[in-house]
């Protein structure tokens, strides 16, 4: 019986080297898997941040605007109404108690071409003497209160011009229409009267008209 041929035996050191190589490769793969980091998602992080900032800013601006508007309306103060008109006095009274009371007739004083036109329309000499005309288009009378402390500005005619003087309401009431002895130079004159809020007189000042006392009598319009 003949012996069968036998294969060559692999040396033991080759098995050992192969085992070590496999172990090293497996360890390297495990390390790479364990330490790998995902790449940052830039788009997803940036978009929400911009949206939140824009929303916060818009809300702040809207709130501030509303609060400012409310504050301005709440602190708004009405302005007093002051009106000045030309007039002639029909009466000045001084009650036993309370302020003085004046009754006036509003008029309109016009000059130059307007005066000539108004005089013609009224059937008066045109152009009018001294170059002005006084129109009284309404017979309505108005009565106002005057503080006792008010000073009235009167004009004194010197022949060439006017000079101003201030008098008390007590003196003024004694020389105006309705008084026992009115002074024609003042009782028949015209005045600027300033009224506040349609009730109280804050200023009375005689209107300077050309021609002195005679000047405000010759036009015949009143």
N, C-alpha and C. Protein backbone atom coordinates (compact mmCIF):
# COMPACT_ATOMS: atom_id res chain seq x y z
N UNK A 1 0.85 -1.21 0.00
CA UNK A 1 0.00 0.00 0.00
C UNK A 1 0.86 1.22 0.00
N UNK A 2 0.66 2.06 -0.99
CA UNK A 2 1.54 3.25 -1.14
C UNK A 2 0.99 4.42 -0.38
N UNK A 3 1.81 5.29 0.16
CA UNK A 3 1.40 6.53 0.90
C UNK A 3 0.91 7.60 -0.08
N UNK A 4 -0.36 8.31 0.28
CA UNK A 4 -0.89 9.43 -0.56
C UNK A 4 -0.11 10.68 -0.29
N UNK A 5 0.02 11.52 -1.28
CA UNK A 5 0.80 12.76 -1.09
C UNK A 5 0.05 13.73 -0.15
N UNK A 6 0.69 14.37 0.70
CA UNK A 6 0.14 15.33 1.67
C UNK A 6 0.51 16.76 1.28
N UNK A 7 -0.54 17.78 1.53
CA UNK A 7 -0.30 19.22 1.19
C UNK A 7 0.73 19.84 2.11
N UNK A 8 1.21 21.03 1.75
CA UNK A 8 2.21 21.72 2.54
C UNK A 8 1.53 22.39 3.72
N UNK A 9 2.11 22.29 4.85
CA UNK A 9 1.58 22.91 6.05
C UNK A 9 1.94 24.40 6.11
N UNK A 10 0.83 25.26 6.57
CA UNK A 10 1.07 26.71 6.72
C UNK A 10 1.74 26.95 8.04
N UNK A 11 2.78 27.73 8.05
CA UNK A 11 3.52 27.94 9.32
C UNK A 11 2.61 28.68 10.32
N UNK A 12 2.83 28.44 11.59
CA UNK A 12 2.03 29.05 12.68
C UNK A 12 2.17 30.57 12.74
N UNK A 13 3.31 31.06 12.41
CA UNK A 13 3.48 32.53 12.46
C UNK A 13 2.62 33.26 11.45
N UNK A 14 2.30 32.57 10.27
CA UNK A 14 1.44 33.21 9.26
C UNK A 14 0.04 33.40 9.79
N UNK A 15 -0.47 32.33 10.53
CA UNK A 15 -1.80 32.47 11.15
C UNK A 15 -1.83 33.63 12.14
N UNK A 16 -0.80 33.76 12.91
CA UNK A 16 -0.73 34.81 13.92
C UNK A 16 -0.73 36.20 13.27
N UNK A 17 0.04 36.37 12.19
CA UNK A 17 0.11 37.67 11.51
C UNK A 17 -1.23 38.05 10.90
N UNK A 18 -1.91 37.05 10.31
CA UNK A 18 -3.22 37.33 9.70
C UNK A 18 -4.22 37.77 10.75
N UNK A 19 -4.24 37.10 11.90
CA UNK A 19 -5.17 37.43 12.97
C UNK A 19 -4.95 38.86 13.47
N UNK A 20 -3.70 39.21 13.65
CA UNK A 20 -3.37 40.56 14.13
C UNK A 20 -3.82 41.62 13.13
N UNK A 21 -3.62 41.36 11.83
CA UNK A 21 -4.00 42.32 10.78
C UNK A 21 -5.50 42.56 10.77
N UNK A 22 -6.25 41.41 10.91
CA UNK A 22 -7.71 41.55 10.92
C UNK A 22 -8.16 42.37 12.12
N UNK A 23 -7.55 42.14 13.28
CA UNK A 23 -7.92 42.86 14.49
C UNK A 23 -7.65 44.36 14.35
N UNK A 24 -6.52 44.68 13.78
CA UNK A 24 -6.16 46.09 13.60
C UNK A 24 -7.13 46.78 12.66
N UNK A 25 -7.49 46.10 11.57
CA UNK A 25 -8.43 46.68 10.59
C UNK A 25 -9.79 46.92 11.21
N UNK A 26 -10.23 45.91 12.01
CA UNK A 26 -11.55 46.07 12.65
C UNK A 26 -11.53 47.23 13.65
N UNK A 27 -10.46 47.40 14.36
CA UNK A 27 -10.35 48.50 15.33
C UNK A 27 -10.37 49.86 14.65
N UNK A 28 -9.70 49.94 13.50
CA UNK A 28 -9.66 51.22 12.77
C UNK A 28 -11.04 51.61 12.27
N UNK A 29 -11.75 50.59 11.72
CA UNK A 29 -13.10 50.87 11.23
C UNK A 29 -14.01 51.32 12.37
N UNK A 30 -13.91 50.65 13.53
CA UNK A 30 -14.73 51.03 14.68
C UNK A 30 -14.43 52.42 15.17
N UNK A 31 -13.19 52.82 15.16
CA UNK A 31 -12.80 54.19 15.61
C UNK A 31 -13.38 55.25 14.68
N UNK A 32 -13.28 54.96 13.35
CA UNK A 32 -13.80 55.93 12.38
C UNK A 32 -15.31 56.11 12.53
N UNK A 33 -16.01 54.99 12.75
CA UNK A 33 -17.47 55.08 12.92
C UNK A 33 -17.84 55.83 14.18
N UNK A 34 -17.12 55.59 15.25
CA UNK A 34 -17.44 56.22 16.54
C UNK A 34 -17.12 57.69 16.59
N UNK A 35 -16.12 58.14 15.84
CA UNK A 35 -15.70 59.55 15.92
C UNK A 35 -16.15 60.41 14.74
N UNK A 36 -16.89 59.84 13.85
CA UNK A 36 -17.35 60.64 12.70
C UNK A 36 -18.37 61.69 13.15
N UNK A 37 -18.30 63.00 12.71
CA UNK A 37 -19.21 64.13 13.06
C UNK A 37 -20.03 64.57 11.84
N UNK A 38 -21.35 64.75 12.05
CA UNK A 38 -22.18 65.19 10.90
C UNK A 38 -21.86 66.63 10.52
N UNK A 39 -21.97 66.92 9.25
CA UNK A 39 -21.72 68.29 8.76
C UNK A 39 -22.84 69.22 9.22
N UNK A 40 -22.54 70.50 9.64
CA UNK A 40 -23.58 71.44 10.11
C UNK A 40 -24.56 71.81 8.99
N UNK A 41 -25.84 71.91 9.34
CA UNK A 41 -26.87 72.28 8.37
C UNK A 41 -27.02 73.81 8.40
N UNK A 42 -26.35 74.50 7.53
CA UNK A 42 -26.27 75.96 7.57
C UNK A 42 -27.61 76.60 7.21
N UNK A 43 -28.29 76.15 6.19
CA UNK A 43 -29.53 76.77 5.73
C UNK A 43 -30.62 76.67 6.78
N UNK A 44 -30.78 75.51 7.39
CA UNK A 44 -31.83 75.32 8.40
C UNK A 44 -31.60 76.21 9.60
N UNK A 45 -30.37 76.46 10.00
CA UNK A 45 -30.09 77.28 11.18
C UNK A 45 -30.27 78.77 10.88
N UNK A 46 -29.92 79.21 9.67
CA UNK A 46 -29.95 80.64 9.35
C UNK A 46 -31.37 81.15 9.12
N UNK A 47 -32.20 80.43 8.41
CA UNK A 47 -33.54 80.91 8.06
C UNK A 47 -34.42 81.19 9.26
N UNK A 48 -34.56 80.30 10.27
CA UNK A 48 -35.40 80.62 11.45
C UNK A 48 -34.92 81.83 12.21
N UNK A 49 -33.59 82.02 12.31
CA UNK A 49 -33.06 83.16 13.07
C UNK A 49 -33.48 84.48 12.43
N UNK A 50 -33.39 84.59 11.08
CA UNK A 50 -33.77 85.82 10.41
C UNK A 50 -35.26 86.09 10.57
N UNK A 51 -36.08 85.06 10.52
CA UNK A 51 -37.53 85.24 10.65
C UNK A 51 -37.91 85.76 12.03
N UNK A 52 -37.32 85.21 13.06
CA UNK A 52 -37.63 85.63 14.43
C UNK A 52 -37.21 87.06 14.66
N UNK A 53 -36.03 87.46 14.17
CA UNK A 53 -35.57 88.84 14.37
C UNK A 53 -36.50 89.83 13.69
N UNK A 54 -36.90 89.53 12.46
CA UNK A 54 -37.78 90.44 11.73
C UNK A 54 -39.12 90.58 12.42
N UNK A 55 -39.66 89.48 12.93
CA UNK A 55 -40.95 89.53 13.61
C UNK A 55 -40.88 90.36 14.87
N UNK A 56 -39.80 90.19 15.64
CA UNK A 56 -39.65 90.95 16.89
C UNK A 56 -39.56 92.45 16.63
N UNK A 57 -38.80 92.83 15.60
CA UNK A 57 -38.65 94.25 15.29
C UNK A 57 -39.97 94.87 14.87
N UNK A 58 -40.73 94.18 14.02
CA UNK A 58 -42.01 94.72 13.57
C UNK A 58 -42.98 94.91 14.72
N UNK A 59 -43.02 93.99 15.64
CA UNK A 59 -43.93 94.11 16.79
C UNK A 59 -43.58 95.32 17.65
N UNK A 60 -42.28 95.56 17.87
CA UNK A 60 -41.85 96.67 18.71
C UNK A 60 -42.23 98.02 18.10
N UNK A 61 -42.03 98.19 16.78
CA UNK A 61 -42.34 99.44 16.11
C UNK A 61 -43.83 99.72 16.17
N UNK A 62 -44.66 98.70 15.93
CA UNK A 62 -46.11 98.88 15.96
C UNK A 62 -46.58 99.33 17.34
N UNK A 63 -46.10 98.72 18.39
CA UNK A 63 -46.52 99.06 19.75
C UNK A 63 -46.14 100.49 20.10
N UNK A 64 -44.94 100.90 19.73
CA UNK A 64 -44.48 102.25 20.04
C UNK A 64 -45.35 103.30 19.34
N UNK A 65 -45.70 103.06 18.08
CA UNK A 65 -46.51 104.02 17.33
C UNK A 65 -47.88 104.20 17.97
N UNK A 66 -48.51 103.14 18.36
CA UNK A 66 -49.84 103.22 18.97
C UNK A 66 -49.81 103.97 20.28
N UNK A 67 -48.82 103.69 21.12
CA UNK A 67 -48.72 104.35 22.41
C UNK A 67 -48.47 105.85 22.25
N UNK A 68 -47.65 106.22 21.27
CA UNK A 68 -47.36 107.63 21.05
C UNK A 68 -48.62 108.38 20.62
N UNK A 69 -49.40 107.79 19.73
CA UNK A 69 -50.63 108.43 19.26
C UNK A 69 -51.62 108.64 20.39
N UNK A 70 -51.79 107.68 21.22
CA UNK A 70 -52.72 107.78 22.34
C UNK A 70 -52.29 108.88 23.30
N UNK A 71 -50.98 108.97 23.55
CA UNK A 71 -50.47 109.97 24.48
C UNK A 71 -50.72 111.39 23.97
N UNK A 72 -50.48 111.63 22.66
CA UNK A 72 -50.68 112.96 22.09
C UNK A 72 -52.14 113.36 22.16
N UNK A 73 -53.05 112.46 21.83
CA UNK A 73 -54.47 112.79 21.88
C UNK A 73 -54.92 113.08 23.31
N UNK A 74 -54.35 112.37 24.28
CA UNK A 74 -54.79 112.53 25.66
C UNK A 74 -54.35 113.87 26.24
N UNK A 75 -53.22 114.42 25.75
CA UNK A 75 -52.69 115.65 26.33
C UNK A 75 -53.03 116.88 25.49
N UNK A 76 -53.84 116.72 24.46
CA UNK A 76 -54.18 117.85 23.59
C UNK A 76 -55.06 118.85 24.32
N UNK A 77 -54.72 120.13 24.28
CA UNK A 77 -55.47 121.17 25.00
C UNK A 77 -56.16 122.09 24.01
N UNK A 78 -57.46 122.31 24.15
CA UNK A 78 -58.18 123.21 23.24
C UNK A 78 -57.64 124.64 23.33
N UNK A 79 -57.61 125.33 22.20
CA UNK A 79 -57.12 126.71 22.16
C UNK A 79 -58.30 127.68 22.28
N UNK A 80 -58.13 128.74 23.11
CA UNK A 80 -59.19 129.73 23.29
C UNK A 80 -59.39 130.51 21.99
N UNK A 81 -60.64 130.86 21.69
CA UNK A 81 -60.97 131.60 20.48
C UNK A 81 -61.06 133.09 20.80
N UNK A 82 -60.26 133.89 20.10
CA UNK A 82 -60.25 135.34 20.31
C UNK A 82 -60.58 136.04 19.00
N UNK A 83 -61.59 136.91 19.02
CA UNK A 83 -62.04 137.61 17.81
C UNK A 83 -62.10 139.11 18.08
N UNK A 84 -61.58 139.89 17.12
CA UNK A 84 -61.61 141.35 17.22
C UNK A 84 -62.49 141.92 16.11
N UNK A 85 -63.40 142.80 16.47
CA UNK A 85 -64.30 143.42 15.49
C UNK A 85 -64.38 144.93 15.74
N UNK A 86 -64.64 145.66 14.65
CA UNK A 86 -64.92 147.09 14.77
C UNK A 86 -66.38 147.24 15.19
N UNK A 87 -66.66 148.22 16.01
CA UNK A 87 -68.04 148.40 16.48
C UNK A 87 -68.27 149.82 16.96
N UNK A 88 -69.52 150.12 17.20
CA UNK A 88 -69.90 151.34 17.91
C UNK A 88 -70.68 150.90 19.15
N UNK A 89 -70.58 151.66 20.22
CA UNK A 89 -71.27 151.32 21.47
C UNK A 89 -72.67 151.90 21.47
N UNK A 90 -73.61 151.12 21.96
CA UNK A 90 -74.97 151.63 22.16
C UNK A 90 -75.29 151.80 23.64
N UNK A 91 -74.54 151.07 24.49
CA UNK A 91 -74.78 151.20 25.93
C UNK A 91 -73.64 150.54 26.71
N UNK A 92 -73.31 151.15 27.86
CA UNK A 92 -72.36 150.58 28.82
C UNK A 92 -73.02 150.67 30.20
N UNK A 93 -73.16 149.53 30.87
CA UNK A 93 -73.81 149.53 32.19
C UNK A 93 -72.87 148.96 33.23
N UNK A 94 -73.09 149.36 34.46
CA UNK A 94 -72.28 148.90 35.58
C UNK A 94 -73.22 148.42 36.69
N UNK A 95 -73.56 147.14 36.70
CA UNK A 95 -74.47 146.61 37.71
C UNK A 95 -73.91 146.78 39.12
N UNK A 96 -74.79 146.68 40.10
CA UNK A 96 -74.35 146.81 41.50
C UNK A 96 -73.35 145.73 41.86
N UNK A 97 -73.49 144.57 41.25
CA UNK A 97 -72.53 143.48 41.49
C UNK A 97 -72.18 142.84 40.16
N UNK A 98 -71.00 142.31 40.08
CA UNK A 98 -70.58 141.65 38.85
C UNK A 98 -69.82 142.58 37.93
N UNK A 99 -69.45 142.10 36.74
CA UNK A 99 -68.65 142.89 35.79
C UNK A 99 -69.50 143.91 35.06
N UNK A 100 -68.81 144.81 34.34
CA UNK A 100 -69.50 145.76 33.46
C UNK A 100 -70.12 144.97 32.30
N UNK A 101 -71.09 145.59 31.66
CA UNK A 101 -71.70 144.99 30.48
C UNK A 101 -71.76 146.05 29.38
N UNK A 102 -71.36 145.64 28.18
CA UNK A 102 -71.41 146.56 27.04
C UNK A 102 -72.33 145.99 25.97
N UNK A 103 -73.02 146.88 25.28
CA UNK A 103 -73.84 146.48 24.14
C UNK A 103 -73.31 147.21 22.92
N UNK A 104 -72.97 146.43 21.87
CA UNK A 104 -72.30 147.01 20.71
C UNK A 104 -72.99 146.59 19.41
N UNK A 105 -72.73 147.38 18.38
CA UNK A 105 -73.22 147.10 17.03
C UNK A 105 -71.98 146.93 16.14
N UNK A 106 -71.78 145.74 15.59
CA UNK A 106 -70.61 145.49 14.74
C UNK A 106 -70.73 146.27 13.42
N UNK A 107 -69.61 146.85 12.98
CA UNK A 107 -69.55 147.57 11.71
C UNK A 107 -68.30 147.12 10.95
N UNK A 108 -68.17 147.64 9.73
CA UNK A 108 -66.98 147.37 8.93
C UNK A 108 -66.42 148.68 8.42
N UNK A 109 -65.14 148.93 8.66
CA UNK A 109 -64.48 150.16 8.23
C UNK A 109 -63.66 149.84 6.98
N UNK A 110 -63.92 150.55 5.87
CA UNK A 110 -63.19 150.31 4.62
C UNK A 110 -62.55 151.63 4.17
N UNK A 111 -61.48 151.48 3.38
CA UNK A 111 -60.70 152.65 2.97
C UNK A 111 -60.50 152.65 1.44
N UNK A 112 -60.10 153.81 0.93
CA UNK A 112 -59.69 153.93 -0.47
C UNK A 112 -60.79 153.57 -1.47
N UNK A 113 -60.43 152.74 -2.48
CA UNK A 113 -61.38 152.37 -3.52
C UNK A 113 -62.58 151.61 -2.95
N UNK A 114 -62.32 150.76 -1.96
CA UNK A 114 -63.41 150.02 -1.34
C UNK A 114 -64.38 150.98 -0.66
N UNK A 115 -63.87 152.05 -0.08
CA UNK A 115 -64.72 153.05 0.58
C UNK A 115 -65.57 153.78 -0.45
N UNK A 116 -64.96 154.15 -1.59
CA UNK A 116 -65.71 154.84 -2.64
C UNK A 116 -66.82 153.94 -3.19
N UNK A 117 -66.52 152.68 -3.39
CA UNK A 117 -67.51 151.74 -3.91
C UNK A 117 -68.66 151.56 -2.91
N UNK A 118 -68.31 151.42 -1.63
CA UNK A 118 -69.33 151.23 -0.59
C UNK A 118 -70.21 152.48 -0.45
N UNK A 119 -69.61 153.67 -0.55
CA UNK A 119 -70.37 154.92 -0.45
C UNK A 119 -71.34 155.05 -1.61
N UNK A 120 -70.89 154.70 -2.81
CA UNK A 120 -71.76 154.75 -3.99
C UNK A 120 -72.95 153.81 -3.82
N UNK A 121 -72.68 152.60 -3.35
CA UNK A 121 -73.74 151.60 -3.15
C UNK A 121 -74.75 152.06 -2.10
N UNK A 122 -74.28 152.83 -1.12
CA UNK A 122 -75.16 153.31 -0.05
C UNK A 122 -75.84 154.63 -0.41
N UNK A 123 -75.55 155.18 -1.61
CA UNK A 123 -76.15 156.45 -2.02
C UNK A 123 -75.54 157.64 -1.32
N UNK A 124 -74.30 157.53 -0.86
CA UNK A 124 -73.61 158.61 -0.16
C UNK A 124 -72.57 159.24 -1.08
N UNK A 125 -72.07 160.45 -0.73
CA UNK A 125 -71.03 161.09 -1.55
C UNK A 125 -69.84 160.15 -1.76
N UNK A 126 -69.38 160.09 -3.02
CA UNK A 126 -68.27 159.20 -3.33
C UNK A 126 -67.29 159.94 -4.25
N UNK A 127 -65.99 159.91 -3.93
CA UNK A 127 -65.41 159.24 -2.75
C UNK A 127 -65.81 159.93 -1.45
N UNK A 128 -65.88 159.19 -0.36
CA UNK A 128 -66.33 159.78 0.91
C UNK A 128 -65.28 160.72 1.50
N UNK A 129 -65.70 161.68 2.31
CA UNK A 129 -64.74 162.58 2.97
C UNK A 129 -63.73 161.77 3.80
N UNK A 130 -62.51 162.23 3.80
CA UNK A 130 -61.42 161.62 4.57
C UNK A 130 -61.01 160.23 4.08
N UNK A 131 -61.62 159.74 3.01
CA UNK A 131 -61.14 158.51 2.38
C UNK A 131 -61.53 157.21 3.03
N UNK A 132 -62.50 157.20 3.93
CA UNK A 132 -62.95 155.94 4.52
C UNK A 132 -64.47 155.93 4.62
N UNK A 133 -65.03 154.74 4.76
CA UNK A 133 -66.47 154.63 4.88
C UNK A 133 -66.78 153.51 5.88
N UNK A 134 -67.82 153.74 6.69
CA UNK A 134 -68.20 152.76 7.71
C UNK A 134 -69.53 152.12 7.32
N UNK A 135 -69.49 150.80 7.13
CA UNK A 135 -70.69 150.06 6.72
C UNK A 135 -71.29 149.35 7.93
N UNK A 136 -72.60 149.50 8.06
CA UNK A 136 -73.33 148.83 9.13
C UNK A 136 -74.42 147.99 8.46
N UNK A 137 -74.07 146.78 8.11
CA UNK A 137 -74.98 145.96 7.30
C UNK A 137 -76.00 145.18 8.12
N UNK A 138 -75.85 145.18 9.45
CA UNK A 138 -76.79 144.43 10.28
C UNK A 138 -77.15 145.23 11.54
N UNK A 139 -78.43 145.27 11.88
CA UNK A 139 -78.85 146.00 13.08
C UNK A 139 -78.68 145.19 14.36
N UNK A 140 -78.16 143.98 14.23
CA UNK A 140 -78.03 143.10 15.40
C UNK A 140 -77.11 143.71 16.45
N UNK A 141 -77.54 143.67 17.71
CA UNK A 141 -76.73 144.16 18.83
C UNK A 141 -76.22 142.97 19.64
N UNK A 142 -75.02 143.12 20.20
CA UNK A 142 -74.40 142.07 20.99
C UNK A 142 -74.01 142.62 22.36
N UNK A 143 -74.22 141.81 23.39
CA UNK A 143 -73.89 142.22 24.75
C UNK A 143 -72.83 141.30 25.33
N UNK A 144 -71.79 141.89 25.95
CA UNK A 144 -70.68 141.12 26.51
C UNK A 144 -70.36 141.62 27.93
N UNK A 145 -69.68 140.74 28.67
CA UNK A 145 -69.19 141.12 30.00
C UNK A 145 -67.79 141.71 29.87
N UNK A 146 -67.49 142.68 30.73
CA UNK A 146 -66.17 143.32 30.73
C UNK A 146 -65.64 143.32 32.17
N UNK A 147 -64.46 142.76 32.43
CA UNK A 147 -63.90 142.78 33.79
C UNK A 147 -63.73 144.20 34.31
N UNK A 148 -63.92 144.40 35.59
CA UNK A 148 -63.79 145.73 36.19
C UNK A 148 -62.37 146.27 36.08
N UNK A 149 -61.40 145.37 35.96
CA UNK A 149 -59.99 145.79 35.93
C UNK A 149 -59.51 146.17 34.52
N UNK A 150 -60.36 145.99 33.51
CA UNK A 150 -59.93 146.29 32.13
C UNK A 150 -59.69 147.79 31.94
N UNK A 151 -58.62 148.12 31.22
CA UNK A 151 -58.31 149.51 30.87
C UNK A 151 -58.67 149.74 29.40
N UNK A 152 -59.35 150.84 29.13
CA UNK A 152 -59.78 151.17 27.77
C UNK A 152 -58.83 152.21 27.18
N UNK A 153 -58.43 152.00 25.91
CA UNK A 153 -57.54 152.95 25.24
C UNK A 153 -58.38 153.96 24.45
N UNK A 154 -58.29 155.23 24.86
CA UNK A 154 -58.99 156.31 24.16
C UNK A 154 -57.98 157.16 23.40
N UNK A 155 -58.46 157.88 22.40
CA UNK A 155 -57.62 158.74 21.59
C UNK A 155 -57.98 160.20 21.83
N UNK A 156 -56.99 161.04 21.97
CA UNK A 156 -57.21 162.48 22.12
C UNK A 156 -56.71 163.18 20.87
N UNK A 157 -57.60 163.94 20.23
CA UNK A 157 -57.26 164.63 18.99
C UNK A 157 -56.64 165.98 19.31
N UNK A 158 -55.46 166.23 18.74
CA UNK A 158 -54.75 167.49 19.00
C UNK A 158 -54.89 168.48 17.86
N UNK A 159 -55.59 168.10 16.81
CA UNK A 159 -55.70 168.96 15.64
C UNK A 159 -54.81 168.48 14.51
N UNK A 160 -53.74 167.83 14.86
CA UNK A 160 -52.82 167.30 13.84
C UNK A 160 -52.63 165.79 13.96
N UNK A 161 -53.07 165.22 15.06
CA UNK A 161 -52.89 163.78 15.24
C UNK A 161 -53.50 163.31 16.55
N UNK A 162 -53.37 162.01 16.78
CA UNK A 162 -53.92 161.40 17.99
C UNK A 162 -52.84 161.11 19.02
N UNK A 163 -53.24 161.12 20.28
CA UNK A 163 -52.39 160.60 21.35
C UNK A 163 -53.26 159.63 22.16
N UNK A 164 -52.66 158.59 22.70
CA UNK A 164 -53.41 157.56 23.40
C UNK A 164 -53.41 157.80 24.92
N UNK A 165 -54.51 157.44 25.53
CA UNK A 165 -54.60 157.48 26.98
C UNK A 165 -55.46 156.31 27.45
N UNK A 166 -55.14 155.76 28.59
CA UNK A 166 -55.89 154.61 29.13
C UNK A 166 -56.76 155.09 30.29
N UNK A 167 -58.02 154.64 30.30
CA UNK A 167 -58.96 155.02 31.35
C UNK A 167 -59.60 153.77 31.93
N UNK A 168 -60.15 153.90 33.12
CA UNK A 168 -60.82 152.77 33.78
C UNK A 168 -62.19 152.53 33.16
N UNK A 169 -62.73 151.35 33.39
CA UNK A 169 -64.08 151.05 32.91
C UNK A 169 -65.11 151.96 33.58
N UNK A 170 -64.87 152.35 34.82
CA UNK A 170 -65.78 153.25 35.51
C UNK A 170 -65.87 154.59 34.78
N UNK A 171 -64.71 155.14 34.41
CA UNK A 171 -64.69 156.40 33.67
C UNK A 171 -65.33 156.22 32.29
N UNK A 172 -64.98 155.13 31.62
CA UNK A 172 -65.49 154.86 30.27
C UNK A 172 -67.02 154.79 30.27
N UNK A 173 -67.59 154.11 31.29
CA UNK A 173 -69.05 153.98 31.35
C UNK A 173 -69.74 155.32 31.56
N UNK A 174 -69.03 156.29 32.15
CA UNK A 174 -69.63 157.60 32.44
C UNK A 174 -69.68 158.53 31.24
N UNK A 175 -68.92 158.22 30.17
CA UNK A 175 -68.88 159.09 29.00
C UNK A 175 -69.48 158.45 27.75
N UNK A 176 -69.98 157.23 27.89
CA UNK A 176 -70.51 156.50 26.74
C UNK A 176 -72.03 156.63 26.66
N UNK A 177 -72.64 156.16 25.55
CA UNK A 177 -74.10 156.22 25.42
C UNK A 177 -74.78 155.54 26.59
N UNK A 178 -75.88 156.12 27.06
CA UNK A 178 -76.59 155.56 28.20
C UNK A 178 -76.23 156.24 29.50
N UNK A 179 -75.12 156.99 29.51
CA UNK A 179 -74.71 157.70 30.72
C UNK A 179 -75.47 159.03 30.83
N UNK A 180 -75.39 159.63 32.01
CA UNK A 180 -76.11 160.91 32.23
C UNK A 180 -75.58 162.01 31.33
N UNK A 181 -74.26 162.09 31.16
CA UNK A 181 -73.65 163.12 30.33
C UNK A 181 -72.58 162.51 29.41
N UNK A 182 -72.98 161.83 28.36
CA UNK A 182 -72.00 161.22 27.46
C UNK A 182 -71.20 162.29 26.71
N UNK A 183 -69.94 162.00 26.44
CA UNK A 183 -69.10 162.91 25.67
C UNK A 183 -69.14 162.46 24.21
N UNK A 184 -69.65 163.35 23.35
CA UNK A 184 -69.86 162.97 21.96
C UNK A 184 -68.60 162.46 21.26
N UNK A 185 -67.45 163.09 21.56
CA UNK A 185 -66.21 162.68 20.90
C UNK A 185 -65.89 161.20 21.13
N UNK A 186 -66.37 160.64 22.21
CA UNK A 186 -66.12 159.23 22.52
C UNK A 186 -67.38 158.37 22.36
N UNK A 187 -68.54 158.93 22.70
CA UNK A 187 -69.78 158.17 22.59
C UNK A 187 -70.12 157.86 21.13
N UNK A 188 -69.70 158.74 20.20
CA UNK A 188 -70.00 158.54 18.79
C UNK A 188 -68.80 157.99 18.01
N UNK A 189 -67.75 157.64 18.70
CA UNK A 189 -66.55 157.09 18.05
C UNK A 189 -66.74 155.59 17.78
N UNK A 190 -65.75 154.99 17.11
CA UNK A 190 -65.76 153.55 16.81
C UNK A 190 -64.59 152.89 17.51
N UNK A 191 -64.76 151.64 17.85
CA UNK A 191 -63.78 150.94 18.68
C UNK A 191 -63.50 149.53 18.16
N UNK A 192 -62.27 149.10 18.42
CA UNK A 192 -61.93 147.69 18.26
C UNK A 192 -62.25 146.99 19.58
N UNK A 193 -63.05 145.96 19.51
CA UNK A 193 -63.40 145.19 20.71
C UNK A 193 -62.98 143.74 20.50
N UNK A 194 -62.15 143.24 21.41
CA UNK A 194 -61.68 141.85 21.34
C UNK A 194 -62.44 141.01 22.36
N UNK A 195 -63.02 139.93 21.87
CA UNK A 195 -63.85 139.05 22.71
C UNK A 195 -63.27 137.65 22.72
N UNK A 196 -63.16 137.07 23.91
CA UNK A 196 -62.62 135.72 24.05
C UNK A 196 -63.75 134.72 24.30
N UNK A 197 -63.73 133.63 23.51
CA UNK A 197 -64.72 132.56 23.62
C UNK A 197 -66.16 133.06 23.50
N UNK A 198 -66.35 134.18 22.79
CA UNK A 198 -67.69 134.68 22.55
C UNK A 198 -68.39 135.26 23.76
N UNK A 199 -67.67 135.48 24.86
CA UNK A 199 -68.32 135.91 26.09
C UNK A 199 -67.68 137.14 26.74
N UNK A 200 -66.35 137.08 26.96
CA UNK A 200 -65.69 138.09 27.78
C UNK A 200 -64.81 139.01 26.95
N UNK A 201 -64.94 140.31 27.17
CA UNK A 201 -64.12 141.29 26.46
C UNK A 201 -62.75 141.38 27.13
N UNK A 202 -61.70 141.29 26.32
CA UNK A 202 -60.33 141.37 26.84
C UNK A 202 -59.62 142.64 26.40
N UNK A 203 -60.21 143.39 25.44
CA UNK A 203 -59.55 144.62 24.98
C UNK A 203 -60.57 145.55 24.33
N UNK A 204 -60.47 146.84 24.64
CA UNK A 204 -61.27 147.88 23.98
C UNK A 204 -60.33 149.01 23.59
N UNK A 205 -60.30 149.34 22.32
CA UNK A 205 -59.38 150.39 21.85
C UNK A 205 -60.07 151.22 20.77
N UNK A 206 -60.06 152.53 20.94
CA UNK A 206 -60.68 153.42 19.97
C UNK A 206 -59.95 153.35 18.64
N UNK A 207 -60.71 153.37 17.54
CA UNK A 207 -60.12 153.29 16.21
C UNK A 207 -59.71 154.69 15.75
N UNK A 208 -58.47 154.90 15.36
CA UNK A 208 -58.06 156.21 14.84
C UNK A 208 -58.57 156.39 13.42
N UNK A 209 -59.39 157.39 13.19
CA UNK A 209 -59.94 157.67 11.86
C UNK A 209 -59.50 159.05 11.39
N UNK A 210 -59.22 159.20 10.11
CA UNK A 210 -58.78 160.50 9.58
C UNK A 210 -59.84 161.58 9.83
N UNK A 211 -59.40 162.78 10.17
CA UNK A 211 -60.31 163.90 10.34
C UNK A 211 -60.72 164.16 11.77
N UNK A 212 -60.24 163.34 12.73
CA UNK A 212 -60.58 163.59 14.12
C UNK A 212 -62.06 163.35 14.39
N UNK A 213 -62.61 163.95 15.44
CA UNK A 213 -64.02 163.75 15.82
C UNK A 213 -64.99 164.08 14.68
N UNK A 214 -64.67 165.11 13.87
CA UNK A 214 -65.57 165.43 12.75
C UNK A 214 -65.55 164.33 11.69
N UNK A 215 -64.41 163.67 11.59
CA UNK A 215 -64.25 162.65 10.55
C UNK A 215 -65.20 161.48 10.69
N UNK A 216 -65.50 161.09 11.94
CA UNK A 216 -66.39 159.93 12.08
C UNK A 216 -67.85 160.30 12.16
N UNK A 217 -68.17 161.54 11.84
CA UNK A 217 -69.57 161.94 11.80
C UNK A 217 -70.06 162.27 10.37
N UNK A 218 -69.12 162.64 9.49
CA UNK A 218 -69.52 163.18 8.18
C UNK A 218 -70.00 162.14 7.19
N UNK A 219 -69.63 160.83 7.37
CA UNK A 219 -70.00 159.87 6.33
C UNK A 219 -71.50 159.53 6.38
N UNK A 220 -72.16 159.79 7.50
CA UNK A 220 -73.61 159.59 7.59
C UNK A 220 -74.06 158.16 7.46
N UNK A 221 -73.17 157.17 7.68
CA UNK A 221 -73.54 155.78 7.45
C UNK A 221 -74.18 155.13 8.67
N UNK A 222 -74.24 155.86 9.78
CA UNK A 222 -74.79 155.19 10.96
C UNK A 222 -75.97 155.98 11.53
